[in-house]
N, C-alpha and C. Protein backbone atom coordinates (compact mmCIF):
# COMPACT_ATOMS: atom_id res chain seq x y z
N LEU A 1 0.48 -1.00 0.34
CA LEU A 1 0.18 0.09 0.03
C LEU A 1 0.35 1.02 0.09
N GLU A 2 1.53 1.51 1.15
CA GLU A 2 2.68 2.68 0.48
C GLU A 2 3.65 2.61 -0.18
N GLU A 3 4.30 1.65 -0.93
CA GLU A 3 4.42 1.75 -2.21
C GLU A 3 3.53 2.40 -3.46
N ASP A 4 2.40 1.70 -3.43
CA ASP A 4 1.72 1.94 -4.57
C ASP A 4 1.28 3.80 -4.73
N LEU A 5 1.21 3.90 -2.91
CA LEU A 5 0.76 5.61 -2.80
C LEU A 5 2.86 6.25 -3.17
N ALA A 6 3.91 5.39 -3.20
CA ALA A 6 5.06 6.31 -3.27
C ALA A 6 4.78 6.59 -4.97
N TRP A 7 4.95 5.26 -5.22
CA TRP A 7 4.88 4.73 -7.45
C TRP A 7 3.78 6.67 -7.57
N SER A 8 2.68 6.71 -7.00
CA SER A 8 1.12 7.34 -7.71
C SER A 8 2.34 9.11 -7.57
N SER A 9 2.75 9.10 -6.07
CA SER A 9 3.10 10.31 -5.89
C SER A 9 4.32 10.75 -6.97
N ALA A 10 5.04 9.83 -7.00
CA ALA A 10 6.32 9.82 -8.17
C ALA A 10 5.75 9.96 -9.34
N ALA A 11 4.95 9.43 -10.00
CA ALA A 11 4.20 9.90 -10.99
C ALA A 11 3.65 11.50 -11.01
N LYS A 12 2.64 11.31 -10.07
CA LYS A 12 2.16 12.78 -10.07
C LYS A 12 3.44 13.83 -10.11
N ARG A 13 4.69 13.91 -9.88
CA ARG A 13 5.54 14.51 -9.45
C ARG A 13 5.92 14.53 -10.95
N ALA A 14 5.91 13.17 -11.58
CA ALA A 14 6.63 13.59 -13.15
C ALA A 14 6.30 14.34 -13.73
N LEU A 15 4.51 14.24 -13.47
CA LEU A 15 3.47 14.59 -14.79
C LEU A 15 3.72 16.60 -14.01
N GLY A 16 3.82 16.87 -13.43
CA GLY A 16 4.65 18.33 -13.09
C GLY A 16 3.20 18.29 -11.88
N GLU A 17 3.20 17.93 -11.37
CA GLU A 17 1.37 18.13 -10.25
C GLU A 17 2.11 18.13 -9.53
N LYS A 18 1.20 18.94 -8.60
CA LYS A 18 1.88 19.07 -7.00
C LYS A 18 1.05 18.19 -5.91
N VAL A 19 2.00 17.21 -5.41
CA VAL A 19 1.78 16.76 -4.25
C VAL A 19 2.14 16.88 -2.65
N LYS A 20 1.07 17.05 -2.20
CA LYS A 20 0.70 17.06 -0.53
C LYS A 20 0.65 16.15 0.36
N ASP A 21 2.08 15.94 0.62
CA ASP A 21 2.31 14.52 1.16
C ASP A 21 3.21 15.21 2.21
N ASP A 22 3.28 16.13 2.72
CA ASP A 22 4.87 15.99 3.43
C ASP A 22 4.21 16.72 5.36
N PRO A 23 4.12 15.26 5.39
CA PRO A 23 3.93 15.59 7.17
C PRO A 23 3.99 16.90 8.04
N ARG A 24 5.08 17.41 7.85
CA ARG A 24 5.42 18.78 8.50
C ARG A 24 4.80 19.59 8.23
N LEU A 25 4.18 19.86 6.83
CA LEU A 25 3.36 20.89 6.40
C LEU A 25 1.68 20.63 6.68
N LEU A 26 1.84 19.79 6.43
CA LEU A 26 0.36 19.07 7.02
C LEU A 26 -0.20 19.20 8.37
N LYS A 27 0.87 19.09 9.25
CA LYS A 27 0.69 18.42 10.42
C LYS A 27 -0.02 20.27 11.11
N LYS A 28 0.86 21.67 9.95
CA LYS A 28 1.23 23.25 10.84
C LYS A 28 -0.28 23.45 10.01
N THR A 29 -0.98 22.93 8.55
CA THR A 29 -2.02 23.32 8.14
C THR A 29 -2.74 23.12 9.44
N LEU A 30 -3.51 21.40 9.93
CA LEU A 30 -4.77 21.54 10.06
C LEU A 30 -4.26 22.59 12.14
N GLN A 31 -2.66 22.63 12.29
CA GLN A 31 -2.54 23.58 13.71
C GLN A 31 -3.43 24.91 13.31
N ARG A 32 -3.42 25.53 12.31
CA ARG A 32 -3.34 26.60 11.77
C ARG A 32 -5.37 27.09 12.15
N LYS A 33 -5.98 25.68 11.08
CA LYS A 33 -7.28 25.61 11.07
C LYS A 33 -8.23 25.34 12.70
N ARG A 34 -7.27 24.81 13.45
CA ARG A 34 -8.25 24.25 14.56
C ARG A 34 -8.08 26.19 15.02
N LYS A 35 -6.80 26.96 14.94
CA LYS A 35 -6.48 28.33 16.14
C LYS A 35 -7.54 28.40 15.33
N GLU A 36 -7.81 28.79 14.04
CA GLU A 36 -8.69 29.51 13.74
C GLU A 36 -9.85 29.35 14.05
N LYS A 37 -10.49 28.44 13.52
CA LYS A 37 -11.79 28.25 14.00
C LYS A 37 -12.08 28.10 15.87
N GLU A 38 -10.81 28.16 17.38
CA GLU A 38 -10.89 28.61 18.17
C GLU A 38 -11.31 29.74 18.43
N LYS A 39 -10.34 30.68 17.25
CA LYS A 39 -10.20 32.27 17.92
C LYS A 39 -12.00 32.69 17.15
N SER A 40 -12.25 32.00 15.72
CA SER A 40 -13.72 32.27 15.83
C SER A 40 -14.97 32.52 16.69
N ALA A 41 -14.85 30.59 17.33
CA ALA A 41 -15.93 30.66 18.82
C ALA A 41 -15.43 31.24 20.03
N LYS A 42 -14.87 32.22 19.95
CA LYS A 42 -14.60 33.25 21.21
C LYS A 42 -15.22 33.68 20.72
N GLU A 43 -15.09 34.81 19.19
CA GLU A 43 -15.97 35.88 19.17
C GLU A 43 -16.92 35.88 18.73
N TRP A 44 -17.65 34.95 18.60
CA TRP A 44 -18.69 34.38 18.69
C TRP A 44 -19.21 34.20 20.03
N ALA A 45 -18.77 33.63 21.04
CA ALA A 45 -18.57 33.85 21.97
C ALA A 45 -19.68 35.32 22.88
N ARG A 46 -18.27 36.27 22.27
CA ARG A 46 -18.54 37.57 23.08
C ARG A 46 -19.14 38.12 22.00
N ARG A 47 -19.43 37.88 20.97
CA ARG A 47 -20.98 38.76 20.26
C ARG A 47 -21.56 37.95 20.84
N ASN A 48 -22.30 36.93 21.21
CA ASN A 48 -23.11 36.37 21.77
C ASN A 48 -23.55 37.00 23.59
N GLU A 49 -23.10 37.25 23.80
CA GLU A 49 -22.48 37.77 25.24
C GLU A 49 -22.66 38.78 25.28
N LEU A 50 -22.05 39.45 24.02
CA LEU A 50 -22.56 41.78 23.88
C LEU A 50 -23.56 41.76 24.04
N GLN A 51 -24.84 40.93 22.86
CA GLN A 51 -26.27 40.54 22.53
C GLN A 51 -27.41 41.04 23.76
N ALA A 52 -26.36 39.40 25.03
CA ALA A 52 -27.25 39.91 25.33
C ALA A 52 -27.50 40.41 26.70
N SER A 53 -26.14 41.26 26.20
CA SER A 53 -25.91 42.82 27.49
C SER A 53 -27.28 44.06 27.22
N ALA A 54 -26.88 43.47 26.42
CA ALA A 54 -27.70 44.05 25.34
C ALA A 54 -29.07 43.95 25.36
N GLN A 55 -29.89 43.29 24.62
CA GLN A 55 -30.83 43.37 25.17
C GLN A 55 -31.26 43.68 26.56
N ALA A 56 -31.20 42.92 27.61
CA ALA A 56 -31.14 42.91 28.84
C ALA A 56 -31.19 44.52 29.49
N GLU A 57 -30.68 45.45 28.69
CA GLU A 57 -30.41 46.65 29.37
C GLU A 57 -32.01 47.90 28.18
N ARG A 58 -32.13 46.75 27.50
CA ARG A 58 -32.84 47.39 26.05
C ARG A 58 -34.01 47.10 27.31
N GLN A 59 -34.70 45.90 27.44
CA GLN A 59 -35.62 45.66 27.89
C GLN A 59 -35.60 46.57 29.71
N ARG A 60 -34.68 46.69 29.98
CA ARG A 60 -34.51 47.50 31.18
C ARG A 60 -35.08 49.02 31.52
N VAL A 61 -34.42 49.85 30.95
CA VAL A 61 -34.98 50.91 29.71
C VAL A 61 -36.86 50.35 29.56
N ARG A 62 -36.96 49.96 28.91
CA ARG A 62 -38.13 49.32 28.64
C ARG A 62 -39.64 49.54 29.92
N ALA A 63 -38.67 48.96 30.62
CA ALA A 63 -40.01 48.97 32.11
C ALA A 63 -39.03 50.30 33.02
N GLU A 64 -38.20 50.89 32.64
CA GLU A 64 -38.95 51.71 33.22
C GLU A 64 -39.56 52.68 33.12
N ARG A 65 -39.66 52.78 30.85
CA ARG A 65 -40.03 53.89 31.13
C ARG A 65 -42.23 53.51 31.25
N ILE A 66 -41.64 52.35 30.58
CA ILE A 66 -43.58 52.24 31.10
C ILE A 66 -43.93 52.18 32.53
N ALA A 67 -43.53 51.86 33.74
CA ALA A 67 -43.32 52.24 35.37
C ALA A 67 -43.46 54.30 34.92
N LYS A 68 -43.18 53.83 34.23
CA LYS A 68 -43.31 56.06 34.42
C LYS A 68 -44.53 56.34 33.61
N HIS A 69 -44.91 55.79 33.07
CA HIS A 69 -46.22 56.30 32.00
C HIS A 69 -47.22 56.17 33.07
N LYS A 70 -46.78 54.56 33.88
CA LYS A 70 -48.74 54.15 34.67
C LYS A 70 -48.16 55.04 35.40
N GLU A 71 -47.09 55.73 36.34
CA GLU A 71 -47.42 56.93 37.71
C GLU A 71 -47.84 57.37 37.03
N GLU A 72 -47.09 58.31 35.80
CA GLU A 72 -47.90 59.71 35.60
C GLU A 72 -49.21 59.51 34.68
N LYS A 73 -49.92 58.90 34.30
CA LYS A 73 -51.10 58.78 33.83
C LYS A 73 -51.76 58.21 35.75
N GLY A 74 -51.26 57.58 36.37
CA GLY A 74 -51.96 57.79 37.53
C GLY A 74 -52.31 58.57 38.39
N LYS A 75 -51.56 60.04 38.32
CA LYS A 75 -51.32 61.16 38.71
C LYS A 75 -52.40 62.12 38.31
N GLY A 76 -53.01 61.96 37.23
CA GLY A 76 -53.59 62.55 36.75
C GLY A 76 -56.05 62.13 37.25
N LYS A 77 -55.81 60.85 37.87
CA LYS A 77 -57.04 60.47 37.23
C LYS A 77 -58.50 61.23 38.52
N GLY A 78 -57.32 60.87 39.07
CA GLY A 78 -58.46 62.50 41.12
C GLY A 78 -57.75 64.47 41.60
N LYS A 79 -57.53 64.49 39.29
CA LYS A 79 -57.05 65.89 39.77
C LYS A 79 -58.16 66.24 39.58
N SER A 80 -58.59 66.41 38.50
CA SER A 80 -60.35 67.36 38.32
C SER A 80 -61.73 67.65 39.38
N LYS A 81 -61.68 68.64 40.17
CA LYS A 81 -62.56 69.21 40.88
C LYS A 81 -63.80 69.99 40.19
N GLY A 82 -63.56 70.03 38.98
CA GLY A 82 -64.46 71.34 38.64
C GLY A 82 -66.12 70.67 38.44
N LYS A 83 -66.52 70.48 36.92
CA LYS A 83 -68.36 70.43 36.36
C LYS A 83 -68.18 68.86 36.89
N SER A 84 -68.75 68.24 36.84
CA SER A 84 -69.14 66.28 35.94
C SER A 84 -68.93 66.10 35.30
N LYS A 85 -69.04 65.97 33.83
CA LYS A 85 -68.99 65.36 33.00
C LYS A 85 -70.56 63.92 33.43
N GLY A 86 -71.47 64.22 33.29
CA GLY A 86 -72.54 63.85 33.61
C GLY A 86 -72.46 63.04 32.18
N GLY A 87 -73.20 61.25 32.33
CA GLY A 87 -73.39 60.34 31.10
C GLY A 87 -73.11 60.96 29.81
N LYS A 88 -74.16 60.85 28.84
CA LYS A 88 -74.24 60.57 27.13
C LYS A 88 -74.37 61.86 27.02
N LYS A 89 -73.81 62.86 26.38
CA LYS A 89 -74.20 63.88 25.08
C LYS A 89 -75.61 63.23 24.27
N PRO A 90 -76.02 64.09 24.23
CA PRO A 90 -77.52 63.95 22.95
C PRO A 90 -76.89 64.11 21.72
N LYS A 91 -77.19 63.30 20.43
CA LYS A 91 -76.80 62.92 19.91
C LYS A 91 -77.24 64.31 19.11
N VAL A 92 -76.51 64.71 17.79
CA VAL A 92 -76.63 66.31 17.43
C VAL A 92 -76.54 65.92 16.07
N ALA A 93 -78.38 65.91 15.50
CA ALA A 93 -78.47 65.54 13.82
C ALA A 93 -77.18 66.73 12.99
N ARG A 94 -76.83 66.01 12.21
CA ARG A 94 -76.05 67.15 11.09
C ARG A 94 -76.60 67.22 10.50
N ALA A 95 -76.94 67.63 8.87
CA ALA A 95 -77.16 67.94 7.09
C ALA A 95 -76.79 66.47 6.78
N GLY A 96 -77.74 66.71 6.17
CA GLY A 96 -77.39 64.96 5.31
C GLY A 96 -78.88 64.62 5.80
N PHE A 97 -78.49 63.25 4.67
CA PHE A 97 -79.52 62.43 4.52
C PHE A 97 -79.16 60.88 5.70
N GLU A 98 -77.75 61.00 6.92
CA GLU A 98 -77.36 60.05 7.23
C GLU A 98 -78.66 59.62 8.62
N GLY A 99 -78.87 58.45 8.84
CA GLY A 99 -78.89 58.52 10.30
C GLY A 99 -80.56 58.73 10.55
N ARG A 100 -80.78 59.19 9.43
CA ARG A 100 -82.97 59.74 8.97
C ARG A 100 -82.72 58.34 8.50
N GLY A 101 -84.42 57.65 8.82
CA GLY A 101 -85.29 56.73 8.93
C GLY A 101 -85.39 55.99 7.19
N LYS A 102 -86.38 55.75 6.90
CA LYS A 102 -87.17 55.49 5.16
C LYS A 102 -88.45 56.10 5.80
N ARG A 103 -88.53 56.94 4.56
CA ARG A 103 -89.98 58.05 4.75
C ARG A 103 -90.55 57.03 3.97
N LEU A 104 -91.27 56.46 3.89
CA LEU A 104 -92.95 55.64 2.16
C LEU A 104 -93.18 56.89 1.87
């Protein structure tokens, strides 16, 4: 098997093709790819962490604003002591045909 591989790589070299069978270079390439993958994973984790903290901050601000709005809305409830607005207002007939019954 090794002899077949050696002969095939020798034939490829004779034809001018590049043969990538140097164990030292292959090992370096694997290490480089592994490091790139680790670096990418770290960056991705950092990005996710930043996104989660930003989302939590937005939710906190939103909750504060809603609470403030409720508080302001509650202040105005018992404020007016003037005229009381009693019941429904009578409907005012407007010019035109709307709201009239059919005339036979």
